[in-house]
Each structure stands twice: as C-alpha cells, then as structure tokens.
Amino acid sequence: MPGREGKRSLSIPGSFIPFLLLIPVVALLLFFLWGFLRGMSAPEVRHPRAHQEASVLAARPHRDIVLILDDVGFDRQPLDTAMGIDPNVNFAVLPNGKRSSEFAATLHNRGFELLCHLPMEPEGFPRISPGDGAVLTTMTDDEIATTTRTNVEAIPFARGVNNHMGSRATADRRVMTEVLSALPKGMYFIDSKTTGNSVAGDVAKSMRVKTASRNVFLDDVQDVAAIRKQLDELAQTAESNGVAVGIGHMHPSTMQVLTEEAPKLRAKGFRFVRASGVVH
C-alpha cells in the first residue's frame, strides 16, 4: 500500500547550532558600534541662545577702571566711605601726612592696594609747594635717590609709586632716571601726568620698570556734576581702550559721585581693578 505523504521534520546538523546562537550577539554588538560611530560623527548641537550669549561674552573687550585716590593721610578724610566704593580701589598715601602711617596700616589690613604718593617739584616751586621731603630738580643724583627711598620706606605696604604734583620733576629725564633707579625691585610707577611734558612713562619703559599713565582727573573741579562728567569720560576711555586710569581725592563731592555711580558701572560690566594688574 502506497504510503501517504506525511509532514517532513527539519533536521539541523548539531555542528551548526553554535553559529546560530552567535547571530543575536553579533547583531547586538553591531547595533552598539553603529550608535557609537554616529555619536562621534554627529555635529555638536548647542542651544541658539546659549551660543549667542557665549559669542557676545567672547567678543566683549575688557572694560577695566583703575581708580586711585590721592593725598591719603590727613584728618577728616572719609576713609570708611572710600573703602566702601569697591575692594579694588587703590590708595596713594602721602609719606608726609599726619595720619599716613595709621591710614596705610588700616588700608593694608583691609586688603587694599597702596601706592607711595611721592612728593615731587611742581612748576611754580617754591610758591607752589609739594610739602616736606619732596624730590627737587636742584638735588644731586644721590640726594634724589636718598629722598625717594626715604619716602617709599615711609609707606612699607606700598606696591607702587605715583607722583604728587611733580610737573617740573617728571619732565626732567635725569630726575626720573634717579627716582626710578631708587625704587625697590618689582615696584611700579604710575605717572599722574600733571604735565603734558612728562617723560616719566618713557623713562620707566626704557628702564623696564612697570608703568601706566593717568587718563582722567576726576575732581579738579570739586562739583558733583563736573565729577560725574569726568567719571563718564573715564568709563568711555575704558570702553574704547579696555582699561583706563582715573585719579581723584577723598573730597565729599567725589565720594558722593563714586558711591552712587560705582554700582551702576559694575552693573554695566565695568570692573574696578588694582593698579598692579594693568602696569606693564
């Protein structure tokens, strides 16, 4: 009797089974490899706003203001008010001031940067006097060096020097060479630029003494409106050049303007910085 065709069973050789078991493992490995390679080649995706803000910050230049308050060391000066303007205000202390040593110690202990405000001969001397212990153009080289060292040593915490008056002395190359030669190593010199004829900056650069020059006097006219205008000019100079040096005093009108305007300048992105950070 002929047999009826029945169901045929699929027979798989036993030696082929291990290869079949490897297929899902290989597929899984290929999947992860594809994902890794795709991640390596994909471009970085940044949020458009974050990218824009980063670009603006990178493109914006520094806007640094060096604020130096001169003639520190006398009675009735509002030192507490001045210290409240900004932690990076610089104070130029006169060696011959009645309270210079006391104020210098207070400022140093509060972390402020100090300069020795070196008295130097002005035009019109002796009718116009820079006070005791000034560097004079009639001095010998040795006398200039000794006078400079005596003044600097009177302000032991000073990191730099700027001239008090000195319109005649800073225009004299011999005088400036001796003054700068007498400074301790590493001490900088800020030219207050009390005259357009000053050679102080040029001499300092030629001697590799770190230096910078004043851009704006804030309070030649001790009037709130005038000082505010000068401060605006200082900010504009910092905006244009990246840094600007302004010199003022602890006059009531100056303190009023600086106390009111310093927070506004910081909010606009300006920074008050120490003189030692901008000299070169």
C-alpha atoms as a PDB file:
ATOM      1  CA  MET A   1       0.000   0.000   0.000  1.00  0.00           C
ATOM      2  CA  PRO A   2       1.411   3.080  -1.056  1.00  0.00           C
ATOM      3  CA  GLY A   3       2.218   5.394   1.807  1.00  0.00           C
ATOM      4  CA  ARG A   4       0.584   8.740   2.252  1.00  0.00           C
ATOM      5  CA  GLU A   5       2.943  11.693   2.123  1.00  0.00           C
ATOM      6  CA  GLY A   6       3.277  12.972   5.710  1.00  0.00           C
ATOM      7  CA  LYS A   7       4.965  16.139   7.411  1.00  0.00           C
ATOM      8  CA  ARG A   8       8.669  16.364   6.998  1.00  0.00           C
ATOM      9  CA  SER A   9      10.752  17.452  10.003  1.00  0.00           C
ATOM     10  CA  LEU A  10      13.631  19.952   9.523  1.00  0.00           C
ATOM     11  CA  SER A  11      16.857  18.465  10.635  1.00  0.00           C
ATOM     12  CA  ILE A  12      19.718  20.871  11.593  1.00  0.00           C
ATOM     13  CA  PRO A  13      23.161  19.490  11.990  1.00  0.00           C
ATOM     14  CA  GLY A  14      24.413  19.832  15.552  1.00  0.00           C
ATOM     15  CA  SER A  15      27.663  21.481  14.459  1.00  0.00           C
ATOM     16  CA  PHE A  16      25.732  24.486  13.049  1.00  0.00           C
ATOM     17  CA  ILE A  17      23.868  25.334  16.245  1.00  0.00           C
ATOM     18  CA  PRO A  18      26.699  27.381  17.887  1.00  0.00           C
ATOM     19  CA  PHE A  19      26.802  29.678  14.877  1.00  0.00           C
ATOM     20  CA  LEU A  20      23.079  30.302  15.122  1.00  0.00           C
ATOM     21  CA  LEU A  21      23.455  31.238  18.764  1.00  0.00           C
ATOM     22  CA  LEU A  22      26.100  33.840  17.860  1.00  0.00           C
ATOM     23  CA  ILE A  23      23.819  35.728  15.475  1.00  0.00           C
ATOM     24  CA  PRO A  24      21.929  37.796  18.109  1.00  0.00           C
ATOM     25  CA  VAL A  25      25.190  38.539  19.953  1.00  0.00           C
ATOM     26  CA  VAL A  26      26.851  39.829  16.773  1.00  0.00           C
ATOM     27  CA  ALA A  27      23.744  41.859  15.899  1.00  0.00           C
ATOM     28  CA  LEU A  28      23.751  43.491  19.335  1.00  0.00           C
ATOM     29  CA  LEU A  29      27.427  44.377  19.023  1.00  0.00           C
ATOM     30  CA  LEU A  30      26.880  45.860  15.559  1.00  0.00           C
ATOM     31  CA  PHE A  31      23.992  47.973  16.932  1.00  0.00           C
ATOM     32  CA  PHE A  32      26.124  49.477  19.706  1.00  0.00           C
ATOM     33  CA  LEU A  33      29.035  50.052  17.298  1.00  0.00           C
ATOM     34  CA  TRP A  34      26.757  51.921  14.913  1.00  0.00           C
ATOM     35  CA  GLY A  35      25.446  54.114  17.704  1.00  0.00           C
ATOM     36  CA  PHE A  36      28.974  54.941  18.915  1.00  0.00           C
ATOM     37  CA  LEU A  37      30.190  55.852  15.428  1.00  0.00           C
ATOM     38  CA  ARG A  38      27.119  58.007  14.821  1.00  0.00           C
ATOM     39  CA  GLY A  39      27.695  59.891  18.054  1.00  0.00           C
ATOM     40  CA  MET A  40      31.329  60.517  17.144  1.00  0.00           C
ATOM     41  CA  SER A  41      30.495  61.961  13.756  1.00  0.00           C
ATOM     42  CA  ALA A  42      27.382  63.962  14.707  1.00  0.00           C
ATOM     43  CA  PRO A  43      27.924  67.749  14.998  1.00  0.00           C
ATOM     44  CA  GLU A  44      27.577  69.344  18.429  1.00  0.00           C
ATOM     45  CA  VAL A  45      24.129  70.781  18.944  1.00  0.00           C
ATOM     46  CA  ARG A  46      24.020  73.937  21.072  1.00  0.00           C
ATOM     47  CA  HIS A  47      21.059  75.920  22.153  1.00  0.00           C
ATOM     48  CA  PRO A  48      20.931  79.001  19.883  1.00  0.00           C
ATOM     49  CA  ARG A  49      20.575  81.417  22.803  1.00  0.00           C
ATOM     50  CA  ALA A  50      23.452  79.850  24.734  1.00  0.00           C
ATOM     51  CA  HIS A  51      25.609  80.015  21.602  1.00  0.00           C
ATOM     52  CA  GLN A  52      24.719  83.674  21.087  1.00  0.00           C
ATOM     53  CA  GLU A  53      25.478  84.608  24.696  1.00  0.00           C
ATOM     54  CA  ALA A  54      28.839  82.808  24.557  1.00  0.00           C
ATOM     55  CA  SER A  55      29.722  84.674  21.368  1.00  0.00           C
ATOM     56  CA  VAL A  56      28.840  88.034  22.922  1.00  0.00           C
ATOM     57  CA  LEU A  57      30.951  87.320  26.014  1.00  0.00           C
ATOM     58  CA  ALA A  58      33.902  86.212  23.906  1.00  0.00           C
ATOM     59  CA  ALA A  59      33.684  89.294  21.688  1.00  0.00           C
ATOM     60  CA  ARG A  60      33.277  91.846  24.512  1.00  0.00           C
ATOM     61  CA  PRO A  61      36.592  93.525  25.416  1.00  0.00           C
ATOM     62  CA  HIS A  62      37.734  94.167  28.955  1.00  0.00           C
ATOM     63  CA  ARG A  63      36.401  97.375  30.476  1.00  0.00           C
ATOM     64  CA  ASP A  64      38.685  97.907  33.459  1.00  0.00           C
ATOM     65  CA  ILE A  65      38.922 101.027  35.595  1.00  0.00           C
ATOM     66  CA  VAL A  66      41.928 101.749  37.807  1.00  0.00           C
ATOM     67  CA  LEU A  67      40.711 104.217  40.434  1.00  0.00           C
ATOM     68  CA  ILE A  68      43.448 105.871  42.503  1.00  0.00           C
ATOM     69  CA  LEU A  69      42.555 108.117  45.434  1.00  0.00           C
ATOM     70  CA  ASP A  70      45.420 110.528  46.114  1.00  0.00           C
ATOM     71  CA  ASP A  71      46.640 112.554  49.093  1.00  0.00           C
ATOM     72  CA  VAL A  72      45.703 109.978  51.717  1.00  0.00           C
ATOM     73  CA  GLY A  73      46.915 110.653  55.264  1.00  0.00           C
ATOM     74  CA  PHE A  74      45.124 113.631  56.789  1.00  0.00           C
ATOM     75  CA  ASP A  75      42.477 114.326  59.425  1.00  0.00           C
ATOM     76  CA  ARG A  76      38.785 114.320  58.500  1.00  0.00           C
ATOM     77  CA  GLN A  77      39.288 112.220  55.377  1.00  0.00           C
ATOM     78  CA  PRO A  78      36.308 109.828  54.918  1.00  0.00           C
ATOM     79  CA  LEU A  79      38.375 106.651  54.774  1.00  0.00           C
ATOM     80  CA  ASP A  80      35.467 104.328  55.626  1.00  0.00           C
ATOM     81  CA  THR A  81      33.375 105.793  52.816  1.00  0.00           C
ATOM     82  CA  ALA A  82      36.237 105.430  50.363  1.00  0.00           C
ATOM     83  CA  MET A  83      36.830 101.803  51.328  1.00  0.00           C
ATOM     84  CA  GLY A  84      33.162 101.101  50.655  1.00  0.00           C
ATOM     85  CA  ILE A  85      33.342 102.131  46.982  1.00  0.00           C
ATOM     86  CA  ASP A  86      34.969  98.920  45.775  1.00  0.00           C
ATOM     87  CA  PRO A  87      37.509  96.408  47.164  1.00  0.00           C
ATOM     88  CA  ASN A  88      39.894  97.233  44.304  1.00  0.00           C
ATOM     89  CA  VAL A  89      40.177 100.968  44.871  1.00  0.00           C
ATOM     90  CA  ASN A  90      43.859 101.998  45.072  1.00  0.00           C
ATOM     91  CA  PHE A  91      45.031 104.464  47.725  1.00  0.00           C
ATOM     92  CA  ALA A  92      48.068 106.750  47.227  1.00  0.00           C
ATOM     93  CA  VAL A  93      49.389 107.665  50.669  1.00  0.00           C
ATOM     94  CA  LEU A  94      51.495 110.786  51.202  1.00  0.00           C
ATOM     95  CA  PRO A  95      54.621 109.999  53.263  1.00  0.00           C
ATOM     96  CA  ASN A  96      54.410 113.382  54.984  1.00  0.00           C
ATOM     97  CA  GLY A  97      50.748 113.175  56.041  1.00  0.00           C
ATOM     98  CA  LYS A  98      49.840 113.470  59.715  1.00  0.00           C
ATOM     99  CA  ARG A  99      47.936 110.151  59.732  1.00  0.00           C
ATOM    100  CA  SER A 100      49.703 108.427  56.840  1.00  0.00           C
ATOM    101  CA  SER A 101      51.135 105.529  58.839  1.00  0.00           C
ATOM    102  CA  GLU A 102      47.809 104.893  60.600  1.00  0.00           C
ATOM    103  CA  PHE A 103      45.772 105.001  57.389  1.00  0.00           C
ATOM    104  CA  ALA A 104      48.290 102.875  55.490  1.00  0.00           C
ATOM    105  CA  ALA A 105      48.102 100.176  58.154  1.00  0.00           C
ATOM    106  CA  THR A 106      44.286 100.258  58.172  1.00  0.00           C
ATOM    107  CA  LEU A 107      44.074 100.016  54.389  1.00  0.00           C
ATOM    108  CA  HIS A 108      46.648  97.245  54.224  1.00  0.00           C
ATOM    109  CA  ASN A 109      44.825  95.244  56.902  1.00  0.00           C
ATOM    110  CA  ARG A 110      41.593  95.617  54.915  1.00  0.00           C
ATOM    111  CA  GLY A 111      43.301  94.255  51.798  1.00  0.00           C
ATOM    112  CA  PHE A 112      43.578  97.419  49.699  1.00  0.00           C
ATOM    113  CA  GLU A 113      46.450  98.180  47.342  1.00  0.00           C
ATOM    114  CA  LEU A 114      48.648 101.108  48.361  1.00  0.00           C
ATOM    115  CA  LEU A 115      50.932 103.452  46.483  1.00  0.00           C
ATOM    116  CA  CYS A 116      53.522 105.839  47.875  1.00  0.00           C
ATOM    117  CA  HIS A 117      52.338 109.265  46.726  1.00  0.00           C
ATOM    118  CA  LEU A 118      55.817 110.677  46.106  1.00  0.00           C
ATOM    119  CA  PRO A 119      56.079 114.481  46.555  1.00  0.00           C
ATOM    120  CA  MET A 120      57.883 115.996  43.557  1.00  0.00           C
ATOM    121  CA  GLU A 121      58.714 119.525  42.435  1.00  0.00           C
ATOM    122  CA  PRO A 122      55.952 121.329  40.518  1.00  0.00           C
ATOM    123  CA  GLU A 123      56.137 124.278  38.169  1.00  0.00           C
ATOM    124  CA  GLY A 124      55.903 127.401  40.287  1.00  0.00           C
ATOM    125  CA  PHE A 125      58.006 125.960  43.121  1.00  0.00           C
ATOM    126  CA  PRO A 126      58.571 127.232  45.833  1.00  0.00           C
ATOM    127  CA  ARG A 127      55.428 129.365  45.595  1.00  0.00           C
ATOM    128  CA  ILE A 128      53.575 126.113  44.984  1.00  0.00           C
ATOM    129  CA  SER A 129      54.818 123.555  47.493  1.00  0.00           C
ATOM    130  CA  PRO A 130      54.542 119.745  47.361  1.00  0.00           C
ATOM    131  CA  GLY A 131      55.242 119.552  51.091  1.00  0.00           C
ATOM    132  CA  ASP A 132      58.174 118.246  53.093  1.00  0.00           C
ATOM    133  CA  GLY A 133      60.567 115.684  51.711  1.00  0.00           C
ATOM    134  CA  ALA A 134      59.909 116.362  48.029  1.00  0.00           C
ATOM    135  CA  VAL A 135      62.172 115.341  45.162  1.00  0.00           C
ATOM    136  CA  LEU A 136      63.595 118.543  43.674  1.00  0.00           C
ATOM    137  CA  THR A 137      65.336 119.191  40.362  1.00  0.00           C
ATOM    138  CA  THR A 138      68.139 121.035  42.166  1.00  0.00           C
ATOM    139  CA  MET A 139      69.150 117.869  44.049  1.00  0.00           C
ATOM    140  CA  THR A 140      72.156 115.790  43.147  1.00  0.00           C
ATOM    141  CA  ASP A 141      71.670 112.257  41.866  1.00  0.00           C
ATOM    142  CA  ASP A 142      72.462 110.828  45.285  1.00  0.00           C
ATOM    143  CA  GLU A 143      70.067 113.231  47.014  1.00  0.00           C
ATOM    144  CA  ILE A 144      67.253 112.263  44.649  1.00  0.00           C
ATOM    145  CA  ALA A 145      67.856 108.564  45.284  1.00  0.00           C
ATOM    146  CA  THR A 146      68.028 109.027  49.061  1.00  0.00           C
ATOM    147  CA  THR A 147      64.877 111.185  49.141  1.00  0.00           C
ATOM    148  CA  THR A 148      62.978 108.671  47.012  1.00  0.00           C
ATOM    149  CA  ARG A 149      63.984 105.730  49.203  1.00  0.00           C
ATOM    150  CA  THR A 150      63.076 107.611  52.396  1.00  0.00           C
ATOM    151  CA  ASN A 151      59.594 108.367  51.085  1.00  0.00           C
ATOM    152  CA  VAL A 152      58.981 104.823  49.864  1.00  0.00           C
ATOM    153  CA  GLU A 153      60.150 103.320  53.151  1.00  0.00           C
ATOM    154  CA  ALA A 154      57.640 105.528  54.995  1.00  0.00           C
ATOM    155  CA  ILE A 155      54.816 103.537  53.318  1.00  0.00           C
ATOM    156  CA  PRO A 156      56.030  99.963  53.931  1.00  0.00           C
ATOM    157  CA  PHE A 157      52.981  98.280  52.365  1.00  0.00           C
ATOM    158  CA  ALA A 158      53.146 100.194  49.077  1.00  0.00           C
ATOM    159  CA  ARG A 159      53.312  98.159  45.880  1.00  0.00           C
ATOM    160  CA  GLY A 160      53.857 101.152  43.629  1.00  0.00           C
ATOM    161  CA  VAL A 161      54.533 104.883  43.429  1.00  0.00           C
ATOM    162  CA  ASN A 162      52.774 107.799  41.778  1.00  0.00           C
ATOM    163  CA  ASN A 163      53.822 111.427  41.747  1.00  0.00           C
ATOM    164  CA  HIS A 164      52.295 114.103  43.953  1.00  0.00           C
ATOM    165  CA  MET A 165      52.468 117.317  41.896  1.00  0.00           C
ATOM    166  CA  GLY A 166      55.806 116.974  40.063  1.00  0.00           C
ATOM    167  CA  SER A 167      55.055 118.847  36.842  1.00  0.00           C
ATOM    168  CA  ARG A 168      58.653 120.075  36.742  1.00  0.00           C
ATOM    169  CA  ALA A 169      60.366 116.994  38.145  1.00  0.00           C
ATOM    170  CA  THR A 170      58.585 114.458  35.912  1.00  0.00           C
ATOM    171  CA  ALA A 171      59.629 116.463  32.837  1.00  0.00           C
ATOM    172  CA  ASP A 172      63.309 116.086  33.795  1.00  0.00           C
ATOM    173  CA  ARG A 173      64.864 112.896  32.401  1.00  0.00           C
ATOM    174  CA  ARG A 174      67.780 112.922  34.862  1.00  0.00           C
ATOM    175  CA  VAL A 175      65.455 113.267  37.846  1.00  0.00           C
ATOM    176  CA  MET A 176      63.145 110.492  36.674  1.00  0.00           C
ATOM    177  CA  THR A 177      66.066 108.165  35.955  1.00  0.00           C
ATOM    178  CA  GLU A 178      67.323 108.558  39.530  1.00  0.00           C
ATOM    179  CA  VAL A 179      63.838 108.233  41.044  1.00  0.00           C
ATOM    180  CA  LEU A 180      63.099 105.032  39.164  1.00  0.00           C
ATOM    181  CA  SER A 181      66.546 103.597  39.858  1.00  0.00           C
ATOM    182  CA  ALA A 182      65.923 104.042  43.586  1.00  0.00           C
ATOM    183  CA  LEU A 183      62.662 102.063  43.628  1.00  0.00           C
ATOM    184  CA  PRO A 184      62.756  98.576  45.158  1.00  0.00           C
ATOM    185  CA  LYS A 185      62.755  95.771  42.617  1.00  0.00           C
ATOM    186  CA  GLY A 186      59.279  94.983  41.374  1.00  0.00           C
ATOM    187  CA  MET A 187      57.725  98.302  42.385  1.00  0.00           C
ATOM    188  CA  TYR A 188      55.738 100.034  39.630  1.00  0.00           C
ATOM    189  CA  PHE A 189      55.364 103.734  38.782  1.00  0.00           C
ATOM    190  CA  ILE A 190      52.090 105.402  37.794  1.00  0.00           C
ATOM    191  CA  ASP A 191      52.614 108.706  36.006  1.00  0.00           C
ATOM    192  CA  SER A 192      49.965 111.095  37.323  1.00  0.00           C
ATOM    193  CA  LYS A 193      50.582 113.184  34.185  1.00  0.00           C
ATOM    194  CA  THR A 194      50.450 116.554  35.910  1.00  0.00           C
ATOM    195  CA  THR A 195      52.113 117.913  32.773  1.00  0.00           C
ATOM    196  CA  GLY A 196      51.989 117.063  29.112  1.00  0.00           C
ATOM    197  CA  ASN A 197      55.783 117.300  29.110  1.00  0.00           C
ATOM    198  CA  SER A 198      56.241 114.334  31.435  1.00  0.00           C
ATOM    199  CA  VAL A 199      58.903 111.806  30.446  1.00  0.00           C
ATOM    200  CA  ALA A 200      58.196 109.516  33.401  1.00  0.00           C
ATOM    201  CA  GLY A 201      56.442 106.819  31.402  1.00  0.00           C
ATOM    202  CA  ASP A 202      59.045 106.745  28.637  1.00  0.00           C
ATOM    203  CA  VAL A 203      61.923 106.561  31.103  1.00  0.00           C
ATOM    204  CA  ALA A 204      60.190 103.805  33.070  1.00  0.00           C
ATOM    205  CA  LYS A 205      59.675 101.728  29.928  1.00  0.00           C
ATOM    206  CA  SER A 206      63.297 102.199  28.878  1.00  0.00           C
ATOM    207  CA  MET A 207      64.388 101.006  32.325  1.00  0.00           C
ATOM    208  CA  ARG A 208      61.887  98.100  32.324  1.00  0.00           C
ATOM    209  CA  VAL A 209      60.041  99.491  35.310  1.00  0.00           C
ATOM    210  CA  LYS A 210      56.365  98.549  35.075  1.00  0.00           C
ATOM    211  CA  THR A 211      54.280 101.639  34.441  1.00  0.00           C
ATOM    212  CA  ALA A 212      50.974 103.175  33.374  1.00  0.00           C
ATOM    213  CA  SER A 213      49.709 106.742  32.980  1.00  0.00           C
ATOM    214  CA  ARG A 214      46.686 108.622  34.258  1.00  0.00           C
ATOM    215  CA  ASN A 215      43.903 109.138  31.720  1.00  0.00           C
ATOM    216  CA  VAL A 216      41.406 111.284  33.632  1.00  0.00           C
ATOM    217  CA  PHE A 217      41.482 113.556  36.681  1.00  0.00           C
ATOM    218  CA  LEU A 218      38.094 113.250  38.338  1.00  0.00           C
ATOM    219  CA  ASP A 219      37.886 116.249  40.616  1.00  0.00           C
ATOM    220  CA  ASP A 220      39.989 119.202  39.514  1.00  0.00           C
ATOM    221  CA  VAL A 221      36.610 120.926  39.769  1.00  0.00           C
ATOM    222  CA  GLN A 222      35.008 119.850  43.040  1.00  0.00           C
ATOM    223  CA  ASP A 223      31.441 119.866  41.830  1.00  0.00           C
ATOM    224  CA  VAL A 224      29.141 116.840  41.662  1.00  0.00           C
ATOM    225  CA  ALA A 225      28.043 117.462  38.079  1.00  0.00           C
ATOM    226  CA  ALA A 226      31.609 118.071  36.905  1.00  0.00           C
ATOM    227  CA  ILE A 227      32.917 114.950  38.663  1.00  0.00           C
ATOM    228  CA  ARG A 228      30.105 112.836  37.208  1.00  0.00           C
ATOM    229  CA  LYS A 229      31.060 114.096  33.741  1.00  0.00           C
ATOM    230  CA  GLN A 230      34.712 113.191  34.334  1.00  0.00           C
ATOM    231  CA  LEU A 231      33.715 109.740  35.545  1.00  0.00           C
ATOM    232  CA  ASP A 232      31.698 109.255  32.346  1.00  0.00           C
ATOM    233  CA  GLU A 233      34.800 110.186  30.356  1.00  0.00           C
ATOM    234  CA  LEU A 234      36.820 107.639  32.341  1.00  0.00           C
ATOM    235  CA  ALA A 235      34.257 104.927  31.587  1.00  0.00           C
ATOM    236  CA  GLN A 236      34.243 105.833  27.879  1.00  0.00           C
ATOM    237  CA  THR A 237      38.041 105.573  27.799  1.00  0.00           C
ATOM    238  CA  ALA A 238      37.862 102.146  29.432  1.00  0.00           C
ATOM    239  CA  GLU A 239      35.205 101.151  26.885  1.00  0.00           C
ATOM    240  CA  SER A 240      37.456 102.218  23.998  1.00  0.00           C
ATOM    241  CA  ASN A 241      40.854 101.077  25.284  1.00  0.00           C
ATOM    242  CA  GLY A 242      39.946  98.179  27.555  1.00  0.00           C
ATOM    243  CA  VAL A 243      41.440  99.947  30.580  1.00  0.00           C
ATOM    244  CA  ALA A 244      41.585 103.494  31.947  1.00  0.00           C
ATOM    245  CA  VAL A 245      43.319 105.100  34.909  1.00  0.00           C
ATOM    246  CA  GLY A 246      41.464 107.734  36.900  1.00  0.00           C
ATOM    247  CA  ILE A 247      42.762 109.814  39.798  1.00  0.00           C
ATOM    248  CA  GLY A 248      40.627 111.541  42.402  1.00  0.00           C
ATOM    249  CA  HIS A 249      40.621 112.516  46.049  1.00  0.00           C
ATOM    250  CA  MET A 250      38.534 111.897  49.143  1.00  0.00           C
ATOM    251  CA  HIS A 251      36.587 115.129  48.719  1.00  0.00           C
ATOM    252  CA  PRO A 252      32.939 114.937  49.844  1.00  0.00           C
ATOM    253  CA  SER A 253      31.680 115.597  46.302  1.00  0.00           C
ATOM    254  CA  THR A 254      33.959 112.900  44.864  1.00  0.00           C
ATOM    255  CA  MET A 255      32.868 110.390  47.478  1.00  0.00           C
ATOM    256  CA  GLN A 256      29.226 111.137  46.732  1.00  0.00           C
ATOM    257  CA  VAL A 257      29.602 110.570  42.990  1.00  0.00           C
ATOM    258  CA  LEU A 258      31.732 107.428  43.323  1.00  0.00           C
ATOM    259  CA  THR A 259      29.441 105.894  45.944  1.00  0.00           C
ATOM    260  CA  GLU A 260      26.423 106.480  43.700  1.00  0.00           C
ATOM    261  CA  GLU A 261      27.990 105.552  40.369  1.00  0.00           C
ATOM    262  CA  ALA A 262      30.299 102.609  41.176  1.00  0.00           C
ATOM    263  CA  PRO A 263      27.434 100.083  41.494  1.00  0.00           C
ATOM    264  CA  LYS A 264      25.967 101.312  38.186  1.00  0.00           C
ATOM    265  CA  LEU A 265      29.303 100.899  36.419  1.00  0.00           C
ATOM    266  CA  ARG A 266      29.678  97.360  37.765  1.00  0.00           C
ATOM    267  CA  ALA A 267      26.144  96.554  36.582  1.00  0.00           C
ATOM    268  CA  LYS A 268      27.143  97.683  33.078  1.00  0.00           C
ATOM    269  CA  GLY A 269      30.081  95.296  33.068  1.00  0.00           C
ATOM    270  CA  PHE A 270      32.902  97.631  34.103  1.00  0.00           C
ATOM    271  CA  ARG A 271      35.412  96.296  36.631  1.00  0.00           C
ATOM    272  CA  PHE A 272      37.453  98.221  39.162  1.00  0.00           C
ATOM    273  CA  VAL A 273      40.947  96.712  39.164  1.00  0.00           C
ATOM    274  CA  ARG A 274      44.207  97.146  41.026  1.00  0.00           C
ATOM    275  CA  ALA A 275      46.977  99.212  39.514  1.00  0.00           C
ATOM    276  CA  SER A 276      49.381  96.301  39.789  1.00  0.00           C
ATOM    277  CA  GLY A 277      47.173  94.376  37.383  1.00  0.00           C
ATOM    278  CA  VAL A 278      47.461  96.807  34.481  1.00  0.00           C
ATOM    279  CA  VAL A 279      51.026  98.117  34.608  1.00  0.00           C
ATOM    280  CA  HIS A 280      53.434  96.715  32.045  1.00  0.00           C
END
